[in-house]
């Protein structure tokens, strides 16, 4: 009769040694865990195991679990949005003619379409998480306002140069341009649209952006 095979024991995860908390590290690991498990699946205990920070230190710096998640995800939101907008500003700020702007539009559209899937969903997750977290929503609002202001200033300059239409509000144009990132998510979950149809979405966006031209 064959001998029974003993079940192999899995070694328990070793907790990181206690250390002075690096708040930037705490924020980054929290972002990773929330993206991996979702807001509701995020466990403080796992963060403690990975970083060695004590629960009392966490609560001292962030107040509670919601405060930690809020700080982490608003940081992720600002970084993600700022990267996209900084690239657009760098491209458009050097434009001085209508033709240059027309040539830049496909680049702006591609930047919106080529964002990583996780980055697109991260933005939605952050907005949803902030809905019932006043402090988090305040930080997101401040970040978004800063971004909108930067785009508004840039577009007003292009209006003065006669490149962008003056009958449309510069700030509202900047806001609408950013909706391309969220629009890509609607495409992702539409079962009748495939990745092969992306050129159709690209053509629509280019047409919309060209509509802002003077």
C-alpha atoms as a PDB file:
ATOM      1  CA  UNK A   1       0.000   0.000   0.000  1.00  0.00           C
ATOM      2  CA  UNK A   2       1.545   3.361  -0.998  1.00  0.00           C
ATOM      3  CA  UNK A   3       2.575   5.724   1.760  1.00  0.00           C
ATOM      4  CA  UNK A   4       0.464   8.806   2.262  1.00  0.00           C
ATOM      5  CA  UNK A   5       2.078  11.934   0.924  1.00  0.00           C
ATOM      6  CA  UNK A   6       2.461  14.580   3.573  1.00  0.00           C
ATOM      7  CA  UNK A   7       1.118  18.006   2.668  1.00  0.00           C
ATOM      8  CA  UNK A   8       3.900  20.494   2.168  1.00  0.00           C
ATOM      9  CA  UNK A   9       3.711  23.285   4.693  1.00  0.00           C
ATOM     10  CA  UNK A  10       3.815  26.811   3.328  1.00  0.00           C
ATOM     11  CA  UNK A  11       6.198  29.033   5.210  1.00  0.00           C
ATOM     12  CA  UNK A  12       4.413  32.011   6.734  1.00  0.00           C
ATOM     13  CA  UNK A  13       5.247  35.398   5.249  1.00  0.00           C
ATOM     14  CA  UNK A  14       8.011  37.008   7.247  1.00  0.00           C
ATOM     15  CA  UNK A  15       7.049  40.409   8.556  1.00  0.00           C
ATOM     16  CA  UNK A  16       9.444  43.222   7.688  1.00  0.00           C
ATOM     17  CA  UNK A  17      11.510  44.394  10.650  1.00  0.00           C
ATOM     18  CA  UNK A  18      10.302  47.489  12.451  1.00  0.00           C
ATOM     19  CA  UNK A  19      11.895  50.709  11.218  1.00  0.00           C
ATOM     20  CA  UNK A  20      11.382  54.437  11.077  1.00  0.00           C
ATOM     21  CA  UNK A  21       8.471  54.852   8.662  1.00  0.00           C
ATOM     22  CA  UNK A  22       9.283  56.184   5.200  1.00  0.00           C
ATOM     23  CA  UNK A  23       6.009  57.894   4.347  1.00  0.00           C
ATOM     24  CA  UNK A  24       6.749  58.031   0.613  1.00  0.00           C
ATOM     25  CA  UNK A  25       7.316  54.265   0.638  1.00  0.00           C
ATOM     26  CA  UNK A  26       4.104  53.728   2.610  1.00  0.00           C
ATOM     27  CA  UNK A  27       2.162  55.763   0.052  1.00  0.00           C
ATOM     28  CA  UNK A  28       3.662  53.895  -2.918  1.00  0.00           C
ATOM     29  CA  UNK A  29       3.003  50.438  -1.478  1.00  0.00           C
ATOM     30  CA  UNK A  30      -0.532  51.444  -0.511  1.00  0.00           C
ATOM     31  CA  UNK A  31      -1.152  52.546  -4.104  1.00  0.00           C
ATOM     32  CA  UNK A  32       0.086  49.170  -5.377  1.00  0.00           C
ATOM     33  CA  UNK A  33      -2.073  47.221  -2.923  1.00  0.00           C
ATOM     34  CA  UNK A  34      -5.238  49.222  -3.620  1.00  0.00           C
ATOM     35  CA  UNK A  35      -4.758  48.805  -7.369  1.00  0.00           C
ATOM     36  CA  UNK A  36      -4.176  45.080  -6.896  1.00  0.00           C
ATOM     37  CA  UNK A  37      -7.011  44.330  -4.450  1.00  0.00           C
ATOM     38  CA  UNK A  38      -9.371  47.274  -4.824  1.00  0.00           C
ATOM     39  CA  UNK A  39     -10.381  49.723  -2.117  1.00  0.00           C
ATOM     40  CA  UNK A  40     -12.506  47.209  -0.207  1.00  0.00           C
ATOM     41  CA  UNK A  41      -9.855  44.472  -0.464  1.00  0.00           C
ATOM     42  CA  UNK A  42      -6.981  46.571   0.844  1.00  0.00           C
ATOM     43  CA  UNK A  43      -5.724  45.237   4.201  1.00  0.00           C
ATOM     44  CA  UNK A  44      -3.723  47.311   6.678  1.00  0.00           C
ATOM     45  CA  UNK A  45      -2.145  44.075   7.946  1.00  0.00           C
ATOM     46  CA  UNK A  46      -0.590  43.353   4.551  1.00  0.00           C
ATOM     47  CA  UNK A  47       0.905  46.842   4.415  1.00  0.00           C
ATOM     48  CA  UNK A  48       2.371  46.346   7.895  1.00  0.00           C
ATOM     49  CA  UNK A  49       3.871  42.998   6.836  1.00  0.00           C
ATOM     50  CA  UNK A  50       5.489  44.536   3.766  1.00  0.00           C
ATOM     51  CA  UNK A  51       6.823  47.723   5.336  1.00  0.00           C
ATOM     52  CA  UNK A  52       7.389  47.013   9.020  1.00  0.00           C
ATOM     53  CA  UNK A  53       5.478  50.126  10.042  1.00  0.00           C
ATOM     54  CA  UNK A  54       3.353  49.809  13.171  1.00  0.00           C
ATOM     55  CA  UNK A  55      -0.376  50.358  13.143  1.00  0.00           C
ATOM     56  CA  UNK A  56       0.030  53.161  15.683  1.00  0.00           C
ATOM     57  CA  UNK A  57       2.490  54.956  13.363  1.00  0.00           C
ATOM     58  CA  UNK A  58       0.098  54.578  10.445  1.00  0.00           C
ATOM     59  CA  UNK A  59      -2.761  56.097  12.391  1.00  0.00           C
ATOM     60  CA  UNK A  60      -0.510  58.834  13.787  1.00  0.00           C
ATOM     61  CA  UNK A  61       0.393  60.008  10.273  1.00  0.00           C
ATOM     62  CA  UNK A  62      -2.823  59.257   8.358  1.00  0.00           C
ATOM     63  CA  UNK A  63      -5.573  59.254  10.988  1.00  0.00           C
ATOM     64  CA  UNK A  64      -7.216  55.987   9.962  1.00  0.00           C
ATOM     65  CA  UNK A  65      -7.528  53.518   7.076  1.00  0.00           C
ATOM     66  CA  UNK A  66      -9.612  55.936   5.012  1.00  0.00           C
ATOM     67  CA  UNK A  67      -7.049  58.673   5.562  1.00  0.00           C
ATOM     68  CA  UNK A  68      -4.257  56.410   4.327  1.00  0.00           C
ATOM     69  CA  UNK A  69      -6.181  55.266   1.242  1.00  0.00           C
ATOM     70  CA  UNK A  70      -7.199  58.839   0.526  1.00  0.00           C
ATOM     71  CA  UNK A  71      -3.639  60.147   0.750  1.00  0.00           C
ATOM     72  CA  UNK A  72      -2.286  57.340  -1.425  1.00  0.00           C
ATOM     73  CA  UNK A  73      -4.887  57.471  -4.169  1.00  0.00           C
ATOM     74  CA  UNK A  74      -4.974  61.264  -4.398  1.00  0.00           C
ATOM     75  CA  UNK A  75      -1.182  61.134  -4.810  1.00  0.00           C
ATOM     76  CA  UNK A  76      -1.599  58.586  -7.605  1.00  0.00           C
ATOM     77  CA  UNK A  77      -4.273  60.722  -9.247  1.00  0.00           C
ATOM     78  CA  UNK A  78      -2.192  63.886  -9.219  1.00  0.00           C
ATOM     79  CA  UNK A  79       0.863  62.100 -10.582  1.00  0.00           C
ATOM     80  CA  UNK A  80      -1.077  60.385 -13.362  1.00  0.00           C
ATOM     81  CA  UNK A  81      -2.944  63.497 -14.485  1.00  0.00           C
ATOM     82  CA  UNK A  82       0.124  65.721 -14.202  1.00  0.00           C
ATOM     83  CA  UNK A  83       2.220  63.436 -16.425  1.00  0.00           C
ATOM     84  CA  UNK A  84      -0.409  63.539 -19.166  1.00  0.00           C
ATOM     85  CA  UNK A  85      -0.923  67.280 -18.940  1.00  0.00           C
ATOM     86  CA  UNK A  86       2.776  68.148 -18.656  1.00  0.00           C
ATOM     87  CA  UNK A  87       3.428  66.287 -21.901  1.00  0.00           C
ATOM     88  CA  UNK A  88       0.607  68.161 -23.636  1.00  0.00           C
ATOM     89  CA  UNK A  89       1.820  71.518 -22.330  1.00  0.00           C
ATOM     90  CA  UNK A  90       5.380  70.806 -23.433  1.00  0.00           C
ATOM     91  CA  UNK A  91       4.119  70.008 -26.931  1.00  0.00           C
ATOM     92  CA  UNK A  92       1.645  72.863 -27.363  1.00  0.00           C
ATOM     93  CA  UNK A  93       3.612  75.645 -25.667  1.00  0.00           C
ATOM     94  CA  UNK A  94       6.119  75.804 -28.533  1.00  0.00           C
ATOM     95  CA  UNK A  95       3.439  76.039 -31.230  1.00  0.00           C
ATOM     96  CA  UNK A  96       3.074  79.384 -32.985  1.00  0.00           C
ATOM     97  CA  UNK A  97       1.118  78.584 -36.167  1.00  0.00           C
ATOM     98  CA  UNK A  98      -2.164  76.933 -37.083  1.00  0.00           C
ATOM     99  CA  UNK A  99      -0.361  74.302 -39.166  1.00  0.00           C
ATOM    100  CA  UNK A 100       1.849  73.346 -36.223  1.00  0.00           C
ATOM    101  CA  UNK A 101      -1.255  72.898 -34.091  1.00  0.00           C
ATOM    102  CA  UNK A 102      -2.920  70.724 -36.720  1.00  0.00           C
ATOM    103  CA  UNK A 103       0.220  68.594 -36.874  1.00  0.00           C
ATOM    104  CA  UNK A 104       0.224  68.294 -33.078  1.00  0.00           C
ATOM    105  CA  UNK A 105      -3.386  67.123 -32.764  1.00  0.00           C
ATOM    106  CA  UNK A 106      -2.694  63.466 -33.749  1.00  0.00           C
ATOM    107  CA  UNK A 107       0.098  63.391 -31.145  1.00  0.00           C
ATOM    108  CA  UNK A 108      -2.252  64.701 -28.445  1.00  0.00           C
ATOM    109  CA  UNK A 109      -4.906  62.165 -29.433  1.00  0.00           C
ATOM    110  CA  UNK A 110      -2.447  59.276 -29.421  1.00  0.00           C
ATOM    111  CA  UNK A 111      -1.277  60.291 -25.955  1.00  0.00           C
ATOM    112  CA  UNK A 112      -4.866  59.963 -24.739  1.00  0.00           C
ATOM    113  CA  UNK A 113      -5.376  56.616 -26.470  1.00  0.00           C
ATOM    114  CA  UNK A 114      -2.069  55.039 -25.522  1.00  0.00           C
ATOM    115  CA  UNK A 115      -2.377  55.377 -21.752  1.00  0.00           C
ATOM    116  CA  UNK A 116      -1.975  52.069 -19.935  1.00  0.00           C
ATOM    117  CA  UNK A 117      -5.209  50.305 -19.052  1.00  0.00           C
ATOM    118  CA  UNK A 118      -4.287  50.281 -15.364  1.00  0.00           C
ATOM    119  CA  UNK A 119      -3.735  54.056 -15.472  1.00  0.00           C
ATOM    120  CA  UNK A 120      -7.179  54.620 -16.982  1.00  0.00           C
ATOM    121  CA  UNK A 121      -8.912  52.456 -14.392  1.00  0.00           C
ATOM    122  CA  UNK A 122      -6.834  53.970 -11.612  1.00  0.00           C
ATOM    123  CA  UNK A 123      -8.292  57.366 -12.399  1.00  0.00           C
ATOM    124  CA  UNK A 124     -11.833  56.014 -12.171  1.00  0.00           C
ATOM    125  CA  UNK A 125     -11.059  54.148  -8.934  1.00  0.00           C
ATOM    126  CA  UNK A 126      -9.622  57.275  -7.340  1.00  0.00           C
ATOM    127  CA  UNK A 127     -12.633  59.397  -8.271  1.00  0.00           C
ATOM    128  CA  UNK A 128     -15.005  56.739  -6.936  1.00  0.00           C
ATOM    129  CA  UNK A 129     -13.016  56.380  -3.704  1.00  0.00           C
ATOM    130  CA  UNK A 130     -13.085  60.118  -3.130  1.00  0.00           C
ATOM    131  CA  UNK A 131     -16.868  60.333  -3.431  1.00  0.00           C
ATOM    132  CA  UNK A 132     -17.393  59.725   0.300  1.00  0.00           C
ATOM    133  CA  UNK A 133     -13.990  60.852   1.605  1.00  0.00           C
ATOM    134  CA  UNK A 134     -14.126  64.653   1.986  1.00  0.00           C
ATOM    135  CA  UNK A 135     -10.398  65.127   2.638  1.00  0.00           C
ATOM    136  CA  UNK A 136      -9.436  62.940  -0.290  1.00  0.00           C
ATOM    137  CA  UNK A 137     -11.932  64.669  -2.567  1.00  0.00           C
ATOM    138  CA  UNK A 138     -10.510  68.024  -1.489  1.00  0.00           C
ATOM    139  CA  UNK A 139      -6.980  66.937  -2.489  1.00  0.00           C
ATOM    140  CA  UNK A 140      -8.227  65.586  -5.820  1.00  0.00           C
ATOM    141  CA  UNK A 141     -10.136  68.813  -6.426  1.00  0.00           C
ATOM    142  CA  UNK A 142      -7.041  70.902  -5.712  1.00  0.00           C
ATOM    143  CA  UNK A 143      -4.965  68.765  -8.079  1.00  0.00           C
ATOM    144  CA  UNK A 144      -7.553  68.907 -10.849  1.00  0.00           C
ATOM    145  CA  UNK A 145      -7.999  72.657 -10.433  1.00  0.00           C
ATOM    146  CA  UNK A 146      -4.242  73.164 -10.749  1.00  0.00           C
ATOM    147  CA  UNK A 147      -4.162  71.095 -13.939  1.00  0.00           C
ATOM    148  CA  UNK A 148      -7.183  72.888 -15.420  1.00  0.00           C
ATOM    149  CA  UNK A 149      -5.610  76.261 -14.666  1.00  0.00           C
ATOM    150  CA  UNK A 150      -2.369  75.290 -16.410  1.00  0.00           C
ATOM    151  CA  UNK A 151      -4.281  74.187 -19.511  1.00  0.00           C
ATOM    152  CA  UNK A 152      -6.444  77.303 -19.443  1.00  0.00           C
ATOM    153  CA  UNK A 153      -3.401  79.592 -19.394  1.00  0.00           C
ATOM    154  CA  UNK A 154      -1.843  77.708 -22.290  1.00  0.00           C
ATOM    155  CA  UNK A 155      -5.019  77.761 -24.380  1.00  0.00           C
ATOM    156  CA  UNK A 156      -5.608  81.460 -23.693  1.00  0.00           C
ATOM    157  CA  UNK A 157      -2.152  82.131 -25.085  1.00  0.00           C
ATOM    158  CA  UNK A 158      -3.081  80.196 -28.230  1.00  0.00           C
ATOM    159  CA  UNK A 159      -6.321  82.182 -28.474  1.00  0.00           C
ATOM    160  CA  UNK A 160      -4.305  85.413 -28.414  1.00  0.00           C
ATOM    161  CA  UNK A 161      -2.109  83.995 -31.185  1.00  0.00           C
ATOM    162  CA  UNK A 162      -5.211  83.351 -33.289  1.00  0.00           C
ATOM    163  CA  UNK A 163      -4.707  79.572 -33.259  1.00  0.00           C
ATOM    164  CA  UNK A 164      -7.588  78.551 -30.963  1.00  0.00           C
ATOM    165  CA  UNK A 165     -11.165  79.855 -31.229  1.00  0.00           C
ATOM    166  CA  UNK A 166     -11.873  82.849 -29.006  1.00  0.00           C
ATOM    167  CA  UNK A 167     -15.628  82.247 -28.830  1.00  0.00           C
ATOM    168  CA  UNK A 168     -15.077  79.161 -26.672  1.00  0.00           C
ATOM    169  CA  UNK A 169     -13.940  79.290 -23.042  1.00  0.00           C
ATOM    170  CA  UNK A 170     -10.305  78.188 -22.711  1.00  0.00           C
ATOM    171  CA  UNK A 171     -10.825  76.387 -19.403  1.00  0.00           C
ATOM    172  CA  UNK A 172     -13.795  74.417 -20.719  1.00  0.00           C
ATOM    173  CA  UNK A 173     -11.783  73.388 -23.789  1.00  0.00           C
ATOM    174  CA  UNK A 174      -9.058  72.053 -21.507  1.00  0.00           C
ATOM    175  CA  UNK A 175     -11.583  70.100 -19.441  1.00  0.00           C
ATOM    176  CA  UNK A 176     -13.181  68.555 -22.524  1.00  0.00           C
ATOM    177  CA  UNK A 177      -9.803  67.530 -23.926  1.00  0.00           C
ATOM    178  CA  UNK A 178      -9.139  65.511 -20.762  1.00  0.00           C
ATOM    179  CA  UNK A 179     -12.366  63.526 -21.141  1.00  0.00           C
ATOM    180  CA  UNK A 180     -10.683  61.475 -23.866  1.00  0.00           C
ATOM    181  CA  UNK A 181      -8.959  59.472 -21.107  1.00  0.00           C
ATOM    182  CA  UNK A 182     -12.267  58.524 -19.486  1.00  0.00           C
ATOM    183  CA  UNK A 183     -13.901  57.965 -22.873  1.00  0.00           C
ATOM    184  CA  UNK A 184     -11.363  55.258 -23.602  1.00  0.00           C
ATOM    185  CA  UNK A 185     -12.739  53.298 -20.636  1.00  0.00           C
ATOM    186  CA  UNK A 186     -16.254  53.409 -22.086  1.00  0.00           C
ATOM    187  CA  UNK A 187     -14.803  51.844 -25.228  1.00  0.00           C
ATOM    188  CA  UNK A 188     -13.008  49.189 -23.181  1.00  0.00           C
ATOM    189  CA  UNK A 189     -16.263  47.919 -21.667  1.00  0.00           C
ATOM    190  CA  UNK A 190     -18.382  48.169 -24.835  1.00  0.00           C
ATOM    191  CA  UNK A 191     -18.699  44.575 -26.106  1.00  0.00           C
ATOM    192  CA  UNK A 192     -19.423  45.759 -29.651  1.00  0.00           C
ATOM    193  CA  UNK A 193     -16.212  47.782 -29.949  1.00  0.00           C
ATOM    194  CA  UNK A 194     -12.867  46.059 -30.365  1.00  0.00           C
ATOM    195  CA  UNK A 195      -9.261  47.215 -30.273  1.00  0.00           C
ATOM    196  CA  UNK A 196      -9.311  47.082 -34.076  1.00  0.00           C
ATOM    197  CA  UNK A 197     -11.864  49.912 -34.043  1.00  0.00           C
ATOM    198  CA  UNK A 198      -9.502  52.279 -32.252  1.00  0.00           C
ATOM    199  CA  UNK A 199      -8.806  54.213 -35.447  1.00  0.00           C
ATOM    200  CA  UNK A 200     -12.488  55.204 -35.509  1.00  0.00           C
ATOM    201  CA  UNK A 201     -12.186  56.667 -32.019  1.00  0.00           C
ATOM    202  CA  UNK A 202      -8.952  58.370 -33.042  1.00  0.00           C
ATOM    203  CA  UNK A 203     -10.686  59.992 -36.032  1.00  0.00           C
ATOM    204  CA  UNK A 204     -13.539  61.249 -33.839  1.00  0.00           C
ATOM    205  CA  UNK A 205     -11.154  62.778 -31.307  1.00  0.00           C
ATOM    206  CA  UNK A 206      -9.044  64.440 -33.973  1.00  0.00           C
ATOM    207  CA  UNK A 207     -12.191  65.952 -35.471  1.00  0.00           C
ATOM    208  CA  UNK A 208     -13.283  67.275 -32.063  1.00  0.00           C
ATOM    209  CA  UNK A 209      -9.864  68.778 -31.327  1.00  0.00           C
ATOM    210  CA  UNK A 210      -9.731  70.370 -34.774  1.00  0.00           C
ATOM    211  CA  UNK A 211     -13.078  71.983 -33.982  1.00  0.00           C
ATOM    212  CA  UNK A 212     -11.313  74.132 -31.387  1.00  0.00           C
ATOM    213  CA  UNK A 213      -9.084  75.659 -34.054  1.00  0.00           C
ATOM    214  CA  UNK A 214      -9.616  79.259 -35.152  1.00  0.00           C
END
